[in-house]
Amino acid sequence: MDDWLIYRGTGEPDPERMSLLPEAPAWRRFDGTVVPYEVPPVDSTTRRRLGNGAGAPKVHSEAAVELVNAALYLRRPLLVTGEPGSGKSTLAHAVAHELGLGRVLQWPVVSRTTLRDGLYQYDAIGRLQDSQLGPGDGGAQPDGIGRYIRLGPLGTALLPTERPRVLLVDELDKSDIDLPNDLLHVLEEGEFTIPELERIADRQPETTVLTDDGARIAVHGGKVRCRAFPFIVITSNGERDFPAALLRRCLSLELSAPGPAQLAALVEAHFGPGGEDRNHALIERFVQSAAAGELRPADQLLNAIFLVQLASGGDAVQRGELIDMLMRPIAPRYR
């Protein structure tokens, strides 16, 4: 049964497995013309989340791995819910790391976030200011409007590249009520337009703009249309319900709190070989308190282990008090 898995959740890089991914179903095929674009490798954000070991921690369940693969096969976003600290955001980084899909594009959502923030930004004020200066003063340049347009994380993810990018839409439940509905067309059609470029397409059919990666790429006719639909992880802490139209376009995954094996893997990844053995008592204490119905993000365990190691030569009573403070529950478990 495991033969169909592209992403196996082993934590070991295996980018060649992406070549085994079959063609998308007919209703999820996109025909953007592929453009040359060098995707940056995973960056320090991914390494910080996954730890310093050779491989990423195996912190996700078999069900999570299977749904990740379903999203890859079907070219559908993955809507991931769960408690704080359950590994929702880490999932996107684990997939990018294992499948060699490069830097994770991150779109953190707040109450003021709009769809355009994710697609692109146009610095009209900067362009106006530069137009009042001469070229010798750092003003208008030959490449014109493209200097003032930067694709956002979602816009960059939809560039027509050969391999899918990984996009993390973090905490969509924090958004304004309109954003989930605004996303529907883009997620279904895999394309968007930049009106500022579309208006001048008859006299300037190609414009070079900046991407979220900091690179430059040509946009034709003011439209961006993907070739390989990105692997999109949308996270939510479950603070609100989403419209049925968005749920229909996504695959839903609910992550439970990390269990003993997942916590042990996490500790090994961040504190090196033998990390589990050295900190077995703290892991057990964390698991027991979580089982008692207390909400404790896994970050608390990592914080406690780090400081206890530094204070290992100090007073045992003080260390115990420090652990109590660091591992204090943040709330009753809500599920």
Protein backbone atom coordinates (compact mmCIF):
# COMPACT_ATOMS: atom_id res chain seq x y z
CA MET A 1 0.00 0.00 0.00
CA ASP A 2 2.91 2.37 0.73
CA ASP A 3 4.06 2.14 -2.90
CA TRP A 4 1.81 5.04 -3.86
CA LEU A 5 3.39 7.44 -1.35
CA ILE A 6 5.44 10.27 -2.81
CA TYR A 7 5.98 11.96 0.55
CA ARG A 8 6.79 9.24 3.08
CA GLY A 9 7.39 11.33 6.19
CA THR A 10 10.76 9.70 6.87
CA GLY A 11 12.53 13.01 7.42
CA GLU A 12 15.22 12.06 4.89
CA PRO A 13 15.60 14.16 1.70
CA ASP A 14 14.49 12.22 -1.38
CA PRO A 15 13.73 14.74 -4.14
CA GLU A 16 13.71 12.09 -6.87
CA ARG A 17 10.37 10.82 -5.62
CA MET A 18 8.66 13.84 -7.18
CA SER A 19 9.38 12.26 -10.57
CA LEU A 20 6.98 9.44 -9.55
CA LEU A 21 4.04 11.84 -9.18
CA PRO A 22 1.58 11.06 -11.99
CA GLU A 23 -0.17 13.64 -14.12
CA ALA A 24 -2.91 15.61 -12.41
CA PRO A 25 -6.55 14.64 -12.91
CA ALA A 26 -8.07 16.37 -15.93
CA TRP A 27 -9.99 18.86 -13.81
CA ARG A 28 -6.81 19.99 -12.03
CA ARG A 29 -4.45 20.44 -14.98
CA PHE A 30 -3.06 23.89 -15.67
CA ASP A 31 -1.38 25.12 -18.83
CA GLY A 32 0.81 28.04 -17.84
CA THR A 33 3.86 28.35 -20.09
CA VAL A 34 6.89 27.23 -18.09
CA VAL A 35 9.40 29.99 -17.44
CA PRO A 36 13.02 29.52 -16.34
CA TYR A 37 13.16 30.18 -12.62
CA GLU A 38 15.70 29.00 -10.07
CA VAL A 39 13.89 28.12 -6.85
CA PRO A 40 15.98 28.89 -3.75
CA PRO A 41 16.82 25.95 -1.47
CA VAL A 42 15.20 25.54 1.94
CA ASP A 43 16.31 28.34 4.19
CA SER A 44 17.04 28.86 7.87
CA THR A 45 13.33 28.97 8.71
CA THR A 46 12.93 25.35 7.66
CA ARG A 47 16.12 24.27 9.40
CA ARG A 48 15.03 26.02 12.59
CA ARG A 49 11.66 24.25 12.57
CA LEU A 50 12.96 20.81 11.72
CA GLY A 51 16.09 20.78 13.87
CA ASN A 52 19.79 20.50 13.21
CA GLY A 53 19.98 16.79 12.45
CA ALA A 54 20.56 15.25 9.04
CA GLY A 55 16.89 14.46 8.67
CA ALA A 56 13.66 16.08 9.73
CA PRO A 57 11.85 14.66 12.78
CA LYS A 58 9.20 12.04 12.08
CA VAL A 59 6.50 13.90 13.94
CA HIS A 60 3.40 13.24 11.82
CA SER A 61 1.05 10.28 11.84
CA GLU A 62 0.40 7.82 9.02
CA ALA A 63 -2.97 9.48 8.42
CA ALA A 64 -1.26 12.86 8.00
CA VAL A 65 1.26 11.39 5.56
CA GLU A 66 -1.53 9.84 3.50
CA LEU A 67 -3.47 13.10 3.31
CA VAL A 68 -0.32 14.97 2.27
CA ASN A 69 0.02 12.53 -0.62
CA ALA A 70 -3.65 12.86 -1.50
CA ALA A 71 -3.14 16.63 -1.75
CA LEU A 72 -0.09 16.11 -3.96
CA TYR A 73 -1.93 13.72 -6.29
CA LEU A 74 -5.13 15.77 -6.50
CA ARG A 75 -3.41 19.19 -6.62
CA ARG A 76 -5.63 20.43 -3.82
CA PRO A 77 -4.76 22.63 -0.80
CA LEU A 78 -4.48 20.93 2.58
CA LEU A 79 -6.47 22.61 5.36
CA VAL A 80 -4.76 21.65 8.61
CA THR A 81 -6.39 22.26 11.99
CA GLY A 82 -5.22 21.41 15.48
CA GLU A 83 -4.04 22.74 18.79
CA PRO A 84 -1.20 25.28 18.97
CA GLY A 85 2.08 23.39 18.79
CA SER A 86 0.65 20.30 17.09
CA GLY A 87 2.94 20.69 14.04
CA LYS A 88 0.61 22.33 11.52
CA SER A 89 3.15 24.77 10.10
CA THR A 90 5.98 22.27 10.42
CA LEU A 91 4.18 19.98 7.98
CA ALA A 92 4.79 22.37 5.07
CA HIS A 93 8.50 22.58 5.91
CA ALA A 94 8.78 18.79 6.26
CA VAL A 95 7.32 18.26 2.77
CA ALA A 96 9.61 20.89 1.20
CA HIS A 97 12.64 19.37 2.95
CA GLU A 98 11.94 15.76 2.03
CA LEU A 99 10.84 16.32 -1.59
CA GLY A 100 13.43 18.99 -2.40
CA LEU A 101 10.84 21.64 -3.29
CA GLY A 102 12.94 24.56 -2.12
CA ARG A 103 12.24 27.50 0.12
CA VAL A 104 8.79 27.48 1.74
CA LEU A 105 6.76 30.52 0.73
CA GLN A 106 5.12 31.84 3.89
CA TRP A 107 2.00 33.97 4.07
CA PRO A 108 1.16 34.81 7.72
CA VAL A 109 -2.46 35.95 7.95
CA VAL A 110 -3.71 38.66 10.31
CA SER A 111 -7.05 40.45 10.65
CA ARG A 112 -6.06 43.07 8.05
CA THR A 113 -4.74 40.65 5.42
CA THR A 114 -6.31 40.85 1.95
CA LEU A 115 -6.05 38.59 -1.08
CA ARG A 116 -3.94 41.17 -2.88
CA ASP A 117 -1.36 41.00 -0.06
CA GLY A 118 -0.77 37.38 -0.97
CA LEU A 119 -0.79 37.93 -4.73
CA TYR A 120 1.27 41.08 -5.27
CA GLN A 121 2.06 44.56 -4.04
CA TYR A 122 2.27 47.69 -6.18
CA ASP A 123 4.22 50.62 -4.77
CA ALA A 124 2.34 53.45 -6.48
CA ILE A 125 3.66 56.07 -4.06
CA GLY A 126 7.25 55.03 -4.66
CA ARG A 127 6.69 55.22 -8.40
CA LEU A 128 5.20 58.69 -8.12
CA GLN A 129 8.10 59.90 -6.00
CA ASP A 130 10.66 58.47 -8.42
CA SER A 131 8.88 60.05 -11.39
CA GLN A 132 9.64 63.44 -9.90
CA LEU A 133 13.36 62.68 -9.89
CA GLY A 134 15.69 62.41 -12.84
CA PRO A 135 17.49 59.15 -13.69
CA GLY A 136 20.68 60.55 -12.26
CA ASP A 137 18.98 61.10 -8.91
CA GLY A 138 17.77 57.50 -8.57
CA GLY A 139 14.43 58.20 -10.21
CA ALA A 140 12.73 56.74 -13.28
CA GLN A 141 14.54 53.77 -14.81
CA PRO A 142 14.17 52.04 -18.20
CA ASP A 143 12.39 48.98 -16.72
CA GLY A 144 9.49 51.19 -15.64
CA ILE A 145 6.55 49.86 -13.67
CA GLY A 146 8.09 46.46 -13.00
CA ARG A 147 10.41 48.03 -10.41
CA TYR A 148 7.39 48.78 -8.24
CA ILE A 149 5.61 45.40 -8.37
CA ARG A 150 6.53 42.51 -6.09
CA LEU A 151 4.72 39.19 -6.17
CA GLY A 152 3.53 37.98 -2.78
CA PRO A 153 3.88 34.42 -1.43
CA LEU A 154 0.70 33.19 -3.16
CA GLY A 155 1.56 35.03 -6.38
CA THR A 156 5.05 33.52 -6.42
CA ALA A 157 3.67 30.03 -5.72
CA LEU A 158 1.50 30.33 -8.85
CA LEU A 159 4.39 31.08 -11.20
CA PRO A 160 4.51 28.49 -14.02
CA THR A 161 7.44 26.38 -12.82
CA GLU A 162 8.14 22.72 -13.61
CA ARG A 163 7.88 21.57 -10.01
CA PRO A 164 5.32 22.72 -7.44
CA ARG A 165 6.30 25.23 -4.78
CA VAL A 166 5.31 24.81 -1.14
CA LEU A 167 3.12 27.60 0.24
CA LEU A 168 2.20 27.98 3.91
CA VAL A 169 -0.91 30.10 4.54
CA ASP A 170 -0.59 30.43 8.28
CA GLU A 171 -3.59 30.91 10.59
CA LEU A 172 -6.31 31.68 8.08
CA ASP A 173 -8.81 31.73 10.94
CA LYS A 174 -7.28 35.06 12.03
CA SER A 175 -8.38 36.71 8.77
CA ASP A 176 -11.17 39.12 7.96
CA ILE A 177 -14.44 37.34 7.18
CA ASP A 178 -14.04 37.95 3.42
CA LEU A 179 -10.59 36.44 2.78
CA PRO A 180 -11.61 32.73 2.69
CA ASN A 181 -14.20 33.55 0.01
CA ASP A 182 -11.77 35.77 -1.88
CA LEU A 183 -9.39 32.82 -2.18
CA LEU A 184 -11.89 30.59 -3.98
CA HIS A 185 -11.23 31.65 -7.58
CA VAL A 186 -7.45 31.65 -7.25
CA LEU A 187 -7.37 28.21 -5.64
CA GLU A 188 -9.71 26.78 -8.28
CA GLU A 189 -8.22 28.37 -11.40
CA GLY A 190 -4.56 28.62 -10.40
CA GLU A 191 -4.20 32.08 -11.91
CA PHE A 192 -4.57 35.79 -11.25
CA THR A 193 -4.13 39.07 -13.09
CA ILE A 194 -2.18 42.20 -12.23
CA PRO A 195 -4.43 45.04 -13.47
CA GLU A 196 -1.57 47.54 -13.51
CA LEU A 197 0.23 45.36 -16.07
CA GLU A 198 -2.87 44.18 -17.91
CA ARG A 199 -3.73 47.79 -18.80
CA ILE A 200 -0.43 48.33 -20.60
CA ALA A 201 -0.11 44.85 -22.13
CA ASP A 202 -0.85 46.15 -25.65
CA ARG A 203 2.25 48.36 -25.64
CA GLN A 204 4.32 46.46 -23.05
CA PRO A 205 3.43 42.76 -23.31
CA GLU A 206 6.22 41.62 -20.98
CA THR A 207 7.22 43.17 -17.66
CA THR A 208 9.91 42.00 -15.27
CA VAL A 209 8.79 42.03 -11.63
CA LEU A 210 10.23 40.99 -8.29
CA THR A 211 9.15 37.73 -6.64
CA ASP A 212 8.77 36.83 -2.97
CA ASP A 213 12.12 35.01 -3.29
CA GLY A 214 13.84 38.29 -4.18
CA ALA A 215 14.45 37.21 -7.79
CA ARG A 216 13.15 38.82 -11.00
CA ILE A 217 10.86 37.17 -13.51
CA ALA A 218 8.95 38.23 -16.63
CA VAL A 219 5.15 38.43 -16.49
CA HIS A 220 3.36 38.27 -19.85
CA GLY A 221 0.17 40.19 -20.51
CA GLY A 222 -0.33 40.99 -16.84
CA LYS A 223 -1.43 37.42 -16.06
CA VAL A 224 0.19 34.71 -13.93
CA ARG A 225 -1.02 31.14 -14.49
CA CYS A 226 0.55 28.12 -12.86
CA ARG A 227 1.82 24.98 -14.53
CA ALA A 228 2.39 22.77 -11.50
CA PHE A 229 -0.20 23.63 -8.86
CA PRO A 230 1.60 24.44 -5.60
CA PHE A 231 1.43 22.29 -2.51
CA ILE A 232 -0.53 24.59 -0.20
CA VAL A 233 -0.86 24.11 3.55
CA ILE A 234 -3.53 26.31 5.12
CA THR A 235 -3.40 26.23 8.91
CA SER A 236 -6.12 27.07 11.41
CA ASN A 237 -6.36 26.94 15.18
CA GLY A 238 -10.08 26.24 14.87
CA GLU A 239 -11.17 29.65 16.11
CA ARG A 240 -13.80 30.03 13.37
CA ASP A 241 -15.65 28.04 10.73
CA PHE A 242 -14.88 28.38 7.04
CA PRO A 243 -17.40 28.58 4.18
CA ALA A 244 -18.42 25.33 2.55
CA ALA A 245 -17.06 26.55 -0.79
CA LEU A 246 -13.54 26.74 0.65
CA LEU A 247 -13.85 23.37 2.39
CA ARG A 248 -14.90 21.82 -0.93
CA ARG A 249 -11.68 23.01 -2.54
CA CYS A 250 -9.44 21.63 0.21
CA LEU A 251 -8.57 18.35 1.84
CA SER A 252 -9.04 18.55 5.61
CA LEU A 253 -6.56 17.21 8.14
CA GLU A 254 -6.86 17.53 11.91
CA LEU A 255 -3.62 17.03 13.80
CA SER A 256 -3.76 15.76 17.36
CA ALA A 257 -1.24 16.75 20.00
CA PRO A 258 2.14 15.01 19.57
CA GLY A 259 2.38 11.66 21.35
CA PRO A 260 5.42 10.19 23.13
CA ALA A 261 7.07 8.86 19.96
CA GLN A 262 6.59 12.15 18.12
CA LEU A 263 7.92 14.17 21.05
CA ALA A 264 10.93 11.88 21.29
CA ALA A 265 11.65 12.39 17.58
CA LEU A 266 11.31 16.13 18.02
CA VAL A 267 13.76 16.15 20.92
CA GLU A 268 16.25 13.99 18.99
CA ALA A 269 16.07 16.36 16.01
CA HIS A 270 16.73 19.48 18.07
CA PHE A 271 19.14 18.14 20.68
CA GLY A 272 20.98 15.49 18.70
CA PRO A 273 21.47 11.73 19.16
CA GLY A 274 20.72 10.62 22.69
CA GLY A 275 18.48 13.61 23.30
CA GLU A 276 15.54 11.37 24.14
CA ASP A 277 17.50 9.30 26.65
CA ARG A 278 18.94 12.35 28.38
CA ASN A 279 15.54 13.99 28.70
CA HIS A 280 13.26 10.99 29.12
CA ALA A 281 11.92 12.20 32.49
CA LEU A 282 10.94 15.59 31.10
CA ILE A 283 9.23 14.01 28.10
CA GLU A 284 7.26 11.68 30.39
CA ARG A 285 6.24 14.58 32.59
CA PHE A 286 5.07 16.56 29.57
CA VAL A 287 3.05 13.62 28.20
CA GLN A 288 1.36 12.95 31.54
CA SER A 289 0.30 16.57 32.00
CA ALA A 290 -1.06 16.71 28.46
CA ALA A 291 -3.00 13.50 29.10
CA ALA A 292 -4.60 15.19 32.11
CA GLY A 293 -6.41 17.58 29.80
CA GLU A 294 -3.98 20.49 29.91
CA LEU A 295 -3.02 22.32 26.70
CA ARG A 296 0.76 22.41 26.43
CA PRO A 297 2.44 23.25 23.08
CA ALA A 298 5.52 21.17 22.29
CA ASP A 299 7.57 24.39 22.31
CA GLN A 300 7.31 24.35 26.09
CA LEU A 301 9.08 21.00 26.25
CA LEU A 302 11.93 22.20 24.02
CA ASN A 303 12.29 25.40 26.06
CA ALA A 304 12.43 23.45 29.31
CA ILE A 305 15.03 20.99 28.03
CA PHE A 306 17.24 23.76 26.67
CA LEU A 307 17.30 25.75 29.92
CA VAL A 308 17.60 22.70 32.17
CA GLN A 309 20.70 21.66 30.23
CA LEU A 310 22.24 25.09 30.82
CA ALA A 311 21.30 24.99 34.51
CA SER A 312 22.38 21.38 35.05
CA GLY A 313 24.96 22.36 37.65
CA GLY A 314 22.55 24.44 39.72
CA ASP A 315 20.24 23.68 42.58
CA ALA A 316 17.82 20.81 41.88
CA VAL A 317 14.92 22.59 43.61
CA GLN A 318 15.43 25.70 41.50
CA ARG A 319 15.56 23.58 38.35
CA GLY A 320 12.26 22.00 39.32
CA GLU A 321 10.67 25.40 39.86
CA LEU A 322 12.01 26.56 36.49
CA ILE A 323 10.48 23.53 34.78
CA ASP A 324 7.14 24.21 36.48
CA MET A 325 7.13 27.78 35.18
CA LEU A 326 8.14 26.84 31.63
CA MET A 327 5.69 23.96 31.34
CA ARG A 328 2.69 25.71 32.82
CA PRO A 329 -0.46 24.88 30.80
CA ILE A 330 -1.66 27.73 28.63
CA ALA A 331 -5.32 26.62 28.72
CA PRO A 332 -7.58 23.61 29.26
CA ARG A 333 -7.59 21.34 26.24
CA TYR A 334 -10.45 22.47 24.01
CA ARG A 335 -11.07 19.22 22.21
